[in-house]
Amino acid sequence: MATTSASARLDGFFDDLVRCETRLYNAVGEALRTEHGIVTSQFELLRFVRDHSDCRVAEIATYFAAGVGAMSKGCDRLESRGWLMRTPNPADGRSSLLRLTDDGAALVADAERTFRKQLAALITPVLHPEQLGAAATAVGALRASLQDQGLGTPAG
């Protein structure tokens, strides 16, 4: 059966989107590792906790469409490095609330400058502001649709 033009466009869109994400993620990660000794996933987790202080691991897992166990282990690693702390959740004794330590806040602030500089260096020479706006709108709409449908979230 021959692939239709629409199917070929969808296949190409998927390939480009996933490979682009992987390359951006890795390139940003290399800059973060070189400058700050952290990887992209650690930066993203620290930034989320900074922006959502007193969050729970389950909230992080939902946001990143990741498993609760994996996010909990990631938080354990950040806590062991002194960047994150857990406090008992007064509303639910079975969970903890997360917040950055002073060292974690300083790290994420420094790393965010590297993150933004690297993104600008990789994206702005290729996409004009209008293209970037259109791409951000399209990918954001796709992400929201998948999220609203509860798709792409690990079962465990």
Protein backbone atom coordinates (compact mmCIF):
# COMPACT_ATOMS: atom_id res chain seq x y z
CA MET A 1 0.00 0.00 0.00
CA ALA A 2 1.43 3.36 -1.01
CA THR A 3 1.94 6.01 1.62
CA THR A 4 -0.30 8.99 1.05
CA SER A 5 1.06 12.50 1.00
CA ALA A 6 -0.74 13.33 4.26
CA SER A 7 0.66 10.20 5.90
CA ALA A 8 4.15 11.02 4.68
CA ARG A 9 3.82 14.54 6.12
CA LEU A 10 2.70 13.15 9.47
CA ASP A 11 5.56 10.62 9.45
CA GLY A 12 8.04 13.36 8.63
CA PHE A 13 6.58 15.69 11.25
CA PHE A 14 6.91 13.00 13.92
CA ASP A 15 10.50 12.21 12.90
CA ASP A 16 11.52 15.87 12.79
CA LEU A 17 9.80 16.74 16.06
CA VAL A 18 11.27 13.83 18.01
CA ARG A 19 14.78 14.12 16.55
CA CYS A 20 14.76 17.90 17.02
CA GLU A 21 13.71 17.50 20.65
CA THR A 22 16.42 14.91 21.24
CA ARG A 23 19.16 17.04 19.68
CA LEU A 24 18.06 20.21 21.51
CA TYR A 25 17.79 18.32 24.80
CA ASN A 26 21.25 16.81 24.37
CA ALA A 27 22.89 20.07 23.26
CA VAL A 28 21.39 21.98 26.16
CA GLY A 29 22.35 19.13 28.48
CA GLU A 30 25.96 19.27 27.37
CA ALA A 31 26.13 23.00 28.10
CA LEU A 32 24.51 22.49 31.51
CA ARG A 33 26.87 19.63 32.33
CA THR A 34 29.93 21.63 31.28
CA GLU A 35 28.94 24.84 33.06
CA HIS A 36 27.08 23.55 36.12
CA GLY A 37 27.64 19.80 36.52
CA ILE A 38 23.97 18.93 36.02
CA VAL A 39 21.99 17.34 33.20
CA THR A 40 18.88 18.69 31.51
CA SER A 41 16.48 16.52 33.50
CA GLN A 42 17.95 17.79 36.77
CA PHE A 43 17.70 21.39 35.57
CA GLU A 44 14.08 20.91 34.54
CA LEU A 45 13.18 19.32 37.85
CA LEU A 46 14.91 22.06 39.86
CA ARG A 47 13.22 24.74 37.77
CA PHE A 48 9.80 23.14 38.25
CA VAL A 49 10.26 22.99 42.03
CA ARG A 50 11.45 26.60 42.05
CA ASP A 51 8.32 27.65 40.18
CA HIS A 52 6.00 25.36 42.21
CA SER A 53 7.42 25.45 45.72
CA ASP A 54 5.82 23.00 48.13
CA CYS A 55 4.80 20.71 45.29
CA ARG A 56 4.56 16.93 45.59
CA VAL A 57 6.38 14.34 43.49
CA ALA A 58 3.06 13.30 41.93
CA GLU A 59 2.59 16.83 40.57
CA ILE A 60 6.05 16.72 39.00
CA ALA A 61 5.32 13.33 37.45
CA THR A 62 2.06 14.62 35.97
CA TYR A 63 3.71 17.71 34.51
CA PHE A 64 6.57 15.77 32.90
CA ALA A 65 4.39 12.79 31.90
CA ALA A 66 6.77 10.55 33.80
CA GLY A 67 6.42 7.81 36.36
CA VAL A 68 6.13 8.77 40.03
CA GLY A 69 8.93 6.34 40.95
CA ALA A 70 11.34 7.85 38.44
CA MET A 71 10.54 11.38 39.61
CA SER A 72 10.94 10.37 43.24
CA LYS A 73 14.38 8.92 42.51
CA GLY A 74 15.31 12.10 40.66
CA CYS A 75 14.26 14.14 43.69
CA ASP A 76 16.27 11.80 45.95
CA ARG A 77 19.39 12.54 43.89
CA LEU A 78 18.83 16.29 44.06
CA GLU A 79 18.16 16.08 47.78
CA SER A 80 21.38 14.12 48.35
CA ARG A 81 23.32 16.89 46.59
CA GLY A 82 21.79 19.52 48.84
CA TRP A 83 19.68 21.26 46.20
CA LEU A 84 16.23 20.08 47.23
CA MET A 85 14.55 19.41 50.54
CA ARG A 86 11.47 17.50 51.54
CA THR A 87 9.18 18.55 54.34
CA PRO A 88 6.21 16.61 55.71
CA ASN A 89 2.94 17.40 54.00
CA PRO A 90 0.60 18.63 56.76
CA ALA A 91 -2.44 17.74 54.64
CA ASP A 92 -1.28 14.17 53.86
CA GLY A 93 1.21 12.33 56.04
CA ARG A 94 1.98 9.91 53.20
CA SER A 95 3.61 12.58 51.04
CA SER A 96 6.24 15.26 51.28
CA LEU A 97 6.39 18.80 49.98
CA LEU A 98 9.40 19.82 47.92
CA ARG A 99 11.27 23.09 47.84
CA LEU A 100 14.70 24.24 46.78
CA THR A 101 17.49 24.88 49.22
CA ASP A 102 19.41 28.13 48.92
CA ASP A 103 22.11 26.22 47.01
CA GLY A 104 19.49 24.74 44.70
CA ALA A 105 17.96 28.16 44.04
CA ALA A 106 21.38 29.61 43.22
CA LEU A 107 22.19 26.68 40.94
CA VAL A 108 18.95 26.87 38.98
CA ALA A 109 19.31 30.64 38.58
CA ASP A 110 22.84 30.25 37.17
CA ALA A 111 21.87 27.27 35.03
CA GLU A 112 18.85 29.10 33.63
CA ARG A 113 21.15 31.72 32.11
CA THR A 114 23.13 28.95 30.39
CA PHE A 115 19.90 27.25 29.30
CA ARG A 116 18.51 30.41 27.70
CA LYS A 117 21.81 31.32 26.08
CA GLN A 118 22.12 27.84 24.56
CA LEU A 119 18.53 27.83 23.29
CA ALA A 120 18.99 31.25 21.72
CA ALA A 121 22.23 30.13 20.05
CA LEU A 122 20.58 27.02 18.63
CA ILE A 123 17.17 28.35 17.63
CA THR A 124 17.32 32.05 16.71
CA PRO A 125 19.76 31.66 13.79
CA VAL A 126 17.35 29.18 12.20
CA LEU A 127 13.85 30.44 13.02
CA HIS A 128 12.64 33.99 12.54
CA PRO A 129 10.44 35.30 15.38
CA GLU A 130 7.26 34.66 13.36
CA GLN A 131 8.33 31.08 12.65
CA LEU A 132 9.22 30.51 16.28
CA GLY A 133 5.85 31.89 17.36
CA ALA A 134 3.98 29.67 14.90
CA ALA A 135 6.00 26.59 15.88
CA ALA A 136 5.49 27.28 19.59
CA THR A 137 1.75 27.71 19.07
CA ALA A 138 1.45 24.50 17.04
CA VAL A 139 3.53 22.35 19.38
CA GLY A 140 1.81 23.85 22.42
CA ALA A 141 -1.61 23.01 20.98
CA LEU A 142 -0.52 19.45 20.26
CA ARG A 143 0.93 19.07 23.75
CA ALA A 144 -2.25 20.44 25.36
CA SER A 145 -4.44 18.10 23.33
CA LEU A 146 -2.39 15.05 24.30
CA GLN A 147 -2.37 16.15 27.93
CA ASP A 148 -6.13 16.84 27.98
CA GLN A 149 -6.74 13.35 26.61
CA GLY A 150 -4.43 11.82 29.21
CA LEU A 151 -2.21 10.34 26.50
CA GLY A 152 1.46 9.56 26.76
CA THR A 153 1.62 9.20 30.53
CA PRO A 154 3.37 6.12 31.93
CA ALA A 155 1.09 3.62 33.64
CA GLY A 156 3.39 3.09 36.65
